[in-house]
Amino acid sequence: MVKKKSCFTRLFLVFPTRTGSALILERYIIREILSPLAAIGLVLIAIFSGYSATRFLNDAVNGLLSGQTVAVLVLLKVLIALEVLLPVTLCLAVVLALSRLYADGEIPAMEAGGIAPGRITKAVFFLAFALALLVGGLSYYARPWAYEKIYTLEAGAGKDFDFAKVEAGRFYELGNDLIFFAEQLDSDAKQARNVYVWELTPDGRKVTFAEMARQEDATAGRPKSIVFRSGHHYILTTAANRDRFIDFEKSVLPLTPAVKPLEYRRKAAPSVRLAGAAEPKEIAEYQWRLSTGPATILLALLAIPFSRTAPRRSRYGKATAILVLFFLYYNFSLITKTWVEKQVIPPFPGIWSVVLVLGLLVFLLVFIPGLKSRRAIRQASGSRRVET
């Protein structure tokens, strides 16, 4: 049974030297890559969203986070992860699309018709360049913005705390500076017995014990709070001989404290601020944000030699190989980032050293073979002219 050639293969066999045919080839290859790109991207985003949701759903069940807050946190996590999900999706899409064209004999037919392999590289480069702009923008602008929102939401997690959803005998972390524990709980009455609260203060720590506690919901002029009865405070300060022990009949702990500025975290720092930083940790973070765009292009180009498949051979083995290569690059980038932060290696070239190695591989595996193929095509064309 003879396999029917595609319309694009017949086009290149009939008009092998037309520039218009080469442009159609580039569009055809881009379209073939976009189909698996969209499918794989949606699957990876769905998987990552489910994984992120499991991290926050436990807090939602225990009354520490509302359903709306969980949804926002998951979306922010996905936004941050796109700087990794998009490049790996592009690598897989390039391998799967080009492997199919090789297996079906379309690319060999194009090359036999005089189309240089550089046209394939050019098509992949254009698509990778557009995606690299998106990935670079996400890393440079969206990444710090998303981290700032996450830190803000986590700092205000206590406002969703609810006695009706928590369990006795368990520790609950309300934000970054408050821990709640109760030996007995009456969820219906929103009351607790033998309650302990550990609180981090600006000058030390405060431990509160109360025989009884009751939750009071927010009203027009009062935030949601926990009212303690018959207990005492242990106030431990960093200064010598300043510790205090205070008995009380009633004490109120607001669950929506006054808004205070978040502490500085480099992941949430604007990229413009990191550009002139001198600290190794800030330099590593800034290099990471700048390297994601170029790495997207290089990884996509490196997928081209991994896509060459013999006719009627499976293309999924090549996909496994490019996945392994991608995660090797990603892990080495993380290791290098950590080394820069800990001053194991100098800040320059830092993370760029891994990108340079990736660029060297692209030069050796993509551009040198491409130049040889172009030279061979020119020599073959010259021989045909001489014979004519």
Protein backbone atom coordinates (compact mmCIF):
# COMPACT_ATOMS: atom_id res chain seq x y z
CA MET A 1 0.00 0.00 0.00
CA VAL A 2 1.47 3.34 -1.10
CA LYS A 3 1.14 6.13 1.45
CA LYS A 4 -0.43 9.30 0.07
CA LYS A 5 1.83 12.34 0.23
CA SER A 6 0.57 15.51 1.88
CA CYS A 7 -0.23 18.56 -0.22
CA PHE A 8 2.84 20.33 1.22
CA THR A 9 5.16 17.51 0.18
CA ARG A 10 3.79 17.54 -3.38
CA LEU A 11 4.15 21.32 -3.45
CA PHE A 12 7.86 21.19 -2.61
CA LEU A 13 8.52 18.42 -5.11
CA VAL A 14 6.91 20.45 -7.90
CA PHE A 15 8.26 23.91 -6.92
CA PRO A 16 11.50 23.18 -5.05
CA THR A 17 13.14 26.55 -5.53
CA ARG A 18 10.35 29.08 -4.98
CA THR A 19 10.66 31.40 -2.04
CA GLY A 20 6.90 31.28 -1.56
CA SER A 21 7.08 27.52 -1.05
CA ALA A 22 9.67 27.99 1.70
CA LEU A 23 7.40 30.51 3.43
CA ILE A 24 4.52 28.05 3.25
CA LEU A 25 6.83 25.43 4.75
CA GLU A 26 7.63 27.65 7.72
CA ARG A 27 3.96 28.37 8.36
CA TYR A 28 3.12 24.70 7.99
CA ILE A 29 5.78 23.67 10.53
CA ILE A 30 4.67 26.37 12.98
CA ARG A 31 1.08 25.20 12.66
CA GLU A 32 2.13 21.58 13.23
CA ILE A 33 3.98 22.62 16.39
CA LEU A 34 1.14 24.76 17.74
CA SER A 35 -1.33 21.86 17.87
CA PRO A 36 0.63 19.70 20.38
CA LEU A 37 1.83 22.89 22.11
CA ALA A 38 -1.73 23.84 23.07
CA ALA A 39 -2.71 20.28 24.05
CA ILE A 40 0.39 19.55 26.15
CA GLY A 41 0.30 22.99 27.74
CA LEU A 42 -3.29 22.57 28.92
CA VAL A 43 -2.52 19.13 30.36
CA LEU A 44 0.56 20.33 32.25
CA ILE A 45 -1.26 23.37 33.61
CA ALA A 46 -4.14 21.17 34.77
CA ILE A 47 -1.75 18.76 36.50
CA PHE A 48 0.16 21.55 38.20
CA SER A 49 -3.08 23.26 39.26
CA GLY A 50 -4.29 20.05 40.89
CA TYR A 51 -0.97 19.59 42.65
CA SER A 52 -1.01 23.18 43.95
CA ALA A 53 -4.63 22.88 45.07
CA THR A 54 -3.86 19.88 47.29
CA ARG A 55 -1.35 22.02 49.17
CA PHE A 56 -3.96 24.63 50.11
CA LEU A 57 -7.12 22.53 50.35
CA ASN A 58 -6.10 21.11 53.72
CA ASP A 59 -5.94 24.65 55.14
CA ALA A 60 -9.29 25.41 53.53
CA VAL A 61 -10.90 22.35 55.13
CA ASN A 62 -9.46 23.35 58.50
CA GLY A 63 -10.89 26.84 58.20
CA LEU A 64 -7.60 28.68 57.67
CA LEU A 65 -8.30 29.70 54.08
CA SER A 66 -11.50 30.46 52.22
CA GLY A 67 -12.33 28.78 48.91
CA GLN A 68 -11.83 32.06 47.08
CA THR A 69 -8.38 32.52 48.63
CA VAL A 70 -7.40 28.98 47.61
CA ALA A 71 -8.46 29.65 44.00
CA VAL A 72 -6.44 32.87 43.88
CA LEU A 73 -3.36 31.18 45.37
CA VAL A 74 -3.56 28.35 42.82
CA LEU A 75 -3.82 30.83 39.93
CA LEU A 76 -0.82 32.76 41.25
CA LYS A 77 1.20 29.56 41.58
CA VAL A 78 0.34 28.61 37.99
CA LEU A 79 1.37 32.07 36.80
CA ILE A 80 4.78 31.63 38.44
CA ALA A 81 5.17 28.09 37.09
CA LEU A 82 4.52 29.16 33.48
CA GLU A 83 8.16 30.24 33.18
CA VAL A 84 9.00 26.52 33.42
CA LEU A 85 5.85 24.92 31.96
CA LEU A 86 5.94 26.89 28.69
CA PRO A 87 9.56 26.01 27.73
CA VAL A 88 9.13 22.31 28.47
CA THR A 89 5.83 22.31 26.56
CA LEU A 90 7.53 23.92 23.56
CA CYS A 91 10.35 21.35 23.63
CA LEU A 92 7.87 18.46 23.63
CA ALA A 93 5.75 20.06 20.91
CA VAL A 94 8.76 20.57 18.62
CA VAL A 95 9.91 16.99 19.06
CA LEU A 96 6.45 15.48 18.53
CA ALA A 97 5.61 17.65 15.52
CA LEU A 98 8.91 17.28 13.67
CA SER A 99 9.17 13.58 14.52
CA ARG A 100 5.81 13.02 12.85
CA LEU A 101 6.98 14.87 9.74
CA TYR A 102 10.16 12.76 9.65
CA ALA A 103 8.27 9.51 10.26
CA ASP A 104 5.75 10.30 7.50
CA GLY A 105 8.55 11.12 5.08
CA GLU A 106 7.55 14.75 4.59
CA ILE A 107 10.78 16.38 5.74
CA PRO A 108 12.98 13.97 3.73
CA ALA A 109 10.86 14.81 0.68
CA MET A 110 11.29 18.53 1.32
CA GLU A 111 15.05 18.16 1.65
CA ALA A 112 15.15 16.09 -1.53
CA GLY A 113 13.29 18.91 -3.25
CA GLY A 114 16.06 21.36 -2.37
CA ILE A 115 14.67 22.90 0.84
CA ALA A 116 17.53 23.49 3.27
CA PRO A 117 17.15 22.28 6.89
CA GLY A 118 17.74 25.88 7.91
CA ARG A 119 14.15 26.62 6.97
CA ILE A 120 12.98 24.25 9.68
CA THR A 121 15.34 25.86 12.18
CA LYS A 122 14.07 29.29 11.14
CA ALA A 123 10.43 28.30 11.68
CA VAL A 124 11.18 26.88 15.13
CA PHE A 125 13.21 29.97 16.00
CA PHE A 126 10.37 32.37 15.14
CA LEU A 127 7.91 30.45 17.29
CA ALA A 128 10.44 30.07 20.14
CA PHE A 129 11.29 33.78 19.98
CA ALA A 130 7.63 34.78 20.39
CA LEU A 131 7.22 32.39 23.32
CA ALA A 132 10.53 33.56 24.84
CA LEU A 133 9.19 37.13 24.96
CA LEU A 134 6.18 35.86 26.90
CA VAL A 135 8.31 33.75 29.26
CA GLY A 136 10.76 36.60 29.82
CA GLY A 137 7.91 39.00 30.58
CA LEU A 138 6.41 36.55 33.05
CA SER A 139 9.75 36.12 34.84
CA TYR A 140 10.63 39.81 34.85
CA TYR A 141 7.25 41.32 35.77
CA ALA A 142 4.66 38.67 36.69
CA ARG A 143 6.89 36.54 38.94
CA PRO A 144 7.61 39.25 41.60
CA TRP A 145 4.02 40.53 41.42
CA ALA A 146 2.61 37.03 41.99
CA TYR A 147 4.97 36.32 44.90
CA GLU A 148 3.99 39.61 46.54
CA LYS A 149 0.30 38.67 46.31
CA ILE A 150 0.98 35.18 47.71
CA TYR A 151 2.91 36.55 50.69
CA THR A 152 0.13 39.06 51.36
CA LEU A 153 -2.57 36.37 51.27
CA GLU A 154 -0.56 34.02 53.50
CA ALA A 155 0.10 36.80 56.00
CA GLY A 156 -3.64 37.42 56.32
CA ALA A 157 -4.61 33.75 56.58
CA GLY A 158 -5.85 34.21 60.17
CA LYS A 159 -8.91 36.19 59.10
CA ASP A 160 -10.49 32.99 57.72
CA PHE A 161 -9.88 30.99 60.92
CA ASP A 162 -13.12 29.36 62.12
CA PHE A 163 -13.77 27.27 65.26
CA ALA A 164 -16.49 25.41 63.34
CA LYS A 165 -13.90 23.83 61.03
CA VAL A 166 -10.87 23.15 63.26
CA GLU A 167 -10.19 20.01 65.31
CA ALA A 168 -9.05 19.63 68.90
CA GLY A 169 -5.53 18.45 69.59
CA ARG A 170 -4.02 19.95 66.43
CA PHE A 171 -1.73 22.92 65.88
CA TYR A 172 -2.89 25.62 63.44
CA GLU A 173 -0.59 28.25 61.99
CA LEU A 174 -2.39 31.55 61.46
CA GLY A 175 -0.10 33.52 59.19
CA ASN A 176 3.62 33.62 59.92
CA ASP A 177 3.54 34.72 63.59
CA LEU A 178 0.63 32.95 65.33
CA ILE A 179 -0.01 29.32 66.32
CA PHE A 180 -3.25 28.07 67.88
CA PHE A 181 -3.88 24.85 69.89
CA ALA A 182 -6.94 23.68 71.87
CA GLU A 183 -7.38 20.50 73.89
CA GLN A 184 -11.19 20.52 73.56
CA LEU A 185 -13.47 22.15 70.99
CA ASP A 186 -17.21 22.63 70.68
CA SER A 187 -17.65 23.46 67.00
CA ASP A 188 -21.36 24.24 67.21
CA ALA A 189 -20.97 26.73 70.06
CA LYS A 190 -17.60 27.96 68.72
CA GLN A 191 -16.00 27.47 72.13
CA ALA A 192 -12.78 25.80 73.26
CA ARG A 193 -11.16 24.68 76.50
CA ASN A 194 -7.50 24.71 77.55
CA VAL A 195 -6.32 26.89 74.71
CA TYR A 196 -2.70 27.77 73.97
CA VAL A 197 -1.61 30.53 71.57
CA TRP A 198 1.99 31.18 70.56
CA GLU A 199 2.54 34.64 69.11
CA LEU A 200 5.66 36.25 67.68
CA THR A 201 6.01 39.90 68.71
CA PRO A 202 8.50 42.56 67.53
CA ASP A 203 10.61 42.23 70.69
CA GLY A 204 10.07 38.57 71.62
CA ARG A 205 7.33 36.00 72.05
CA LYS A 206 4.04 35.81 73.88
CA VAL A 207 2.45 32.54 75.01
CA THR A 208 -1.19 32.69 76.07
CA PHE A 209 -3.06 30.04 78.05
CA ALA A 210 -6.80 30.25 78.72
CA GLU A 211 -9.23 27.84 80.34
CA MET A 212 -12.02 28.99 78.02
CA ALA A 213 -12.08 30.68 74.61
CA ARG A 214 -14.90 31.78 72.34
CA GLN A 215 -14.87 32.97 68.77
CA GLU A 216 -16.75 36.15 67.95
CA ASP A 217 -17.59 36.92 64.33
CA ALA A 218 -16.88 40.27 62.73
CA THR A 219 -19.41 43.07 63.14
CA ALA A 220 -19.67 46.57 61.73
CA GLY A 221 -17.10 48.10 64.06
CA ARG A 222 -15.21 45.04 65.30
CA PRO A 223 -13.10 42.41 63.49
CA LYS A 224 -13.39 38.66 63.96
CA SER A 225 -11.64 37.76 67.22
CA ILE A 226 -11.03 35.11 69.89
CA VAL A 227 -12.09 36.04 73.43
CA PHE A 228 -10.07 34.30 76.18
CA ARG A 229 -11.36 33.76 79.72
CA SER A 230 -9.44 32.91 82.92
CA GLY A 231 -5.88 32.63 81.74
CA HIS A 232 -2.46 34.20 81.72
CA HIS A 233 0.18 35.55 79.34
CA TYR A 234 3.85 34.59 79.32
CA ILE A 235 5.69 37.50 77.68
CA LEU A 236 9.26 36.54 76.79
CA THR A 237 11.50 39.34 75.52
CA THR A 238 14.96 39.34 74.03
CA ALA A 239 16.15 41.83 76.66
CA ALA A 240 17.56 40.40 79.90
CA ASN A 241 15.26 40.36 82.98
CA ARG A 242 12.29 41.76 81.05
CA ASP A 243 10.07 38.64 80.97
CA ARG A 244 6.58 39.05 82.41
CA PHE A 245 3.74 36.87 83.70
CA ILE A 246 0.25 38.40 83.51
CA ASP A 247 -3.04 36.93 84.75
CA PHE A 248 -6.28 37.98 83.11
CA GLU A 249 -10.01 37.36 83.34
CA LYS A 250 -10.65 38.42 79.76
CA SER A 251 -8.38 38.98 76.78
CA VAL A 252 -9.21 39.55 73.12
CA LEU A 253 -7.11 38.43 70.14
CA PRO A 254 -8.19 40.05 66.83
CA LEU A 255 -7.97 37.67 63.88
CA THR A 256 -7.75 40.59 61.46
CA PRO A 257 -4.79 42.55 62.83
CA ALA A 258 -3.84 46.00 61.69
CA VAL A 259 -2.22 46.05 58.28
CA LYS A 260 1.55 46.13 58.52
CA PRO A 261 4.14 46.24 55.75
CA LEU A 262 5.45 42.88 54.61
CA GLU A 263 9.06 42.05 55.27
CA TYR A 264 11.41 42.28 52.30
CA ARG A 265 11.69 39.11 50.23
CA ARG A 266 13.80 39.00 47.11
CA LYS A 267 11.34 36.83 45.15
CA ALA A 268 8.74 39.58 45.51
CA ALA A 269 11.19 42.42 44.83
CA PRO A 270 10.67 44.33 41.55
CA SER A 271 13.21 43.44 38.89
CA VAL A 272 14.28 47.08 38.58
CA ARG A 273 15.33 47.04 42.23
CA LEU A 274 17.34 43.82 41.76
CA ALA A 275 19.15 45.20 38.69
CA GLY A 276 21.56 47.23 40.83
CA ALA A 277 21.76 44.83 43.77
CA ALA A 278 25.09 43.74 45.21
CA GLU A 279 23.93 40.88 47.45
CA PRO A 280 24.61 37.39 45.96
CA LYS A 281 21.04 36.19 46.65
CA GLU A 282 19.56 39.16 44.82
CA ILE A 283 22.01 38.76 41.94
CA ALA A 284 21.04 35.09 41.58
CA GLU A 285 17.34 35.96 41.56
CA TYR A 286 17.86 38.65 38.91
CA GLN A 287 19.95 36.35 36.71
CA TRP A 288 17.25 33.70 36.93
CA ARG A 289 14.62 36.14 35.68
CA LEU A 290 16.79 37.26 32.77
CA SER A 291 17.88 33.75 31.72
CA THR A 292 14.44 32.18 31.20
CA GLY A 293 13.81 33.92 27.86
CA PRO A 294 17.10 32.98 26.11
CA ALA A 295 16.90 29.47 27.55
CA THR A 296 13.45 29.02 25.98
CA ILE A 297 14.88 29.69 22.51
CA LEU A 298 17.93 27.48 23.00
CA LEU A 299 15.92 24.55 24.37
CA ALA A 300 13.48 24.74 21.44
CA LEU A 301 16.35 24.75 18.93
CA LEU A 302 18.03 21.88 20.74
CA ALA A 303 14.84 19.84 20.32
CA ILE A 304 15.31 19.84 16.51
CA PRO A 305 18.11 17.21 16.35
CA PHE A 306 16.20 15.10 18.89
CA SER A 307 13.22 15.00 16.54
CA ARG A 308 14.95 13.20 13.66
CA THR A 309 13.22 9.86 13.36
CA ALA A 310 13.47 7.10 10.80
CA PRO A 311 10.29 6.40 8.78
CA ARG A 312 7.62 4.39 10.60
CA ARG A 313 9.49 4.68 13.91
CA SER A 314 7.88 5.79 17.18
CA ARG A 315 8.51 9.43 18.10
CA TYR A 316 7.83 9.08 21.83
CA GLY A 317 11.33 7.85 22.67
CA LYS A 318 12.70 11.16 21.42
CA ALA A 319 10.22 12.99 23.64
CA THR A 320 11.59 11.16 26.67
CA ALA A 321 15.14 12.15 25.71
CA ILE A 322 14.29 15.86 25.41
CA LEU A 323 12.43 15.72 28.74
CA VAL A 324 15.53 14.32 30.43
CA LEU A 325 17.66 17.03 28.83
CA PHE A 326 15.26 19.75 29.92
CA PHE A 327 15.18 18.66 33.54
CA LEU A 328 18.97 18.30 33.57
CA TYR A 329 19.21 21.91 32.43
CA TYR A 330 16.57 23.04 34.93
CA ASN A 331 18.22 21.25 37.87
CA PHE A 332 21.69 22.52 36.96
CA SER A 333 20.26 26.04 36.77
CA LEU A 334 18.79 25.68 40.25
CA ILE A 335 22.08 24.29 41.57
CA THR A 336 24.02 27.15 40.00
CA LYS A 337 21.53 29.65 41.43
CA THR A 338 22.08 28.18 44.90
CA TRP A 339 25.86 28.30 44.44
CA VAL A 340 25.67 31.99 43.52
CA GLU A 341 23.51 32.68 46.58
CA LYS A 342 25.97 30.88 48.87
CA GLN A 343 28.99 32.45 47.11
CA VAL A 344 30.37 29.06 46.08
CA ILE A 345 30.93 30.47 42.57
CA PRO A 346 31.34 34.12 41.53
CA PRO A 347 28.23 36.08 40.52
CA PHE A 348 29.51 36.32 36.95
CA PRO A 349 28.91 34.33 34.84
CA GLY A 350 26.74 32.63 37.52
CA ILE A 351 23.58 31.14 36.00
CA TRP A 352 24.69 32.35 32.59
CA SER A 353 27.34 29.62 32.56
CA VAL A 354 24.60 26.99 32.22
CA VAL A 355 22.94 29.02 29.44
CA LEU A 356 26.30 29.26 27.63
CA VAL A 357 26.72 25.48 27.79
CA LEU A 358 23.24 25.12 26.34
CA GLY A 359 24.15 27.57 23.57
CA LEU A 360 27.29 25.57 22.78
CA LEU A 361 25.22 22.40 22.41
CA VAL A 362 22.87 24.21 20.03
CA PHE A 363 25.84 25.42 17.96
CA LEU A 364 27.35 21.93 17.74
CA LEU A 365 24.14 19.96 17.15
CA VAL A 366 22.04 22.41 15.12
CA PHE A 367 24.03 25.11 13.34
CA ILE A 368 27.12 23.14 12.27
CA PRO A 369 25.08 20.27 10.73
CA GLY A 370 22.83 22.92 9.13
CA LEU A 371 25.80 24.63 7.50
CA LYS A 372 27.07 21.30 6.19
CA SER A 373 23.66 20.46 4.73
CA ARG A 374 23.39 23.88 3.07
CA ARG A 375 26.87 23.47 1.56
CA ALA A 376 25.94 20.03 0.26
CA ILE A 377 22.73 21.37 -1.33
CA ARG A 378 24.66 24.18 -3.03
CA GLN A 379 27.23 21.74 -4.36
CA ALA A 380 24.49 19.48 -5.68
CA SER A 381 22.76 22.44 -7.35
CA GLY A 382 26.04 23.53 -8.93
CA SER A 383 26.66 20.02 -10.27
CA ARG A 384 23.22 19.96 -11.88
CA ARG A 385 23.89 23.34 -13.58
CA VAL A 386 27.22 22.08 -14.96
CA GLU A 387 25.61 18.93 -16.33
CA THR A 388 22.90 21.02 -17.95
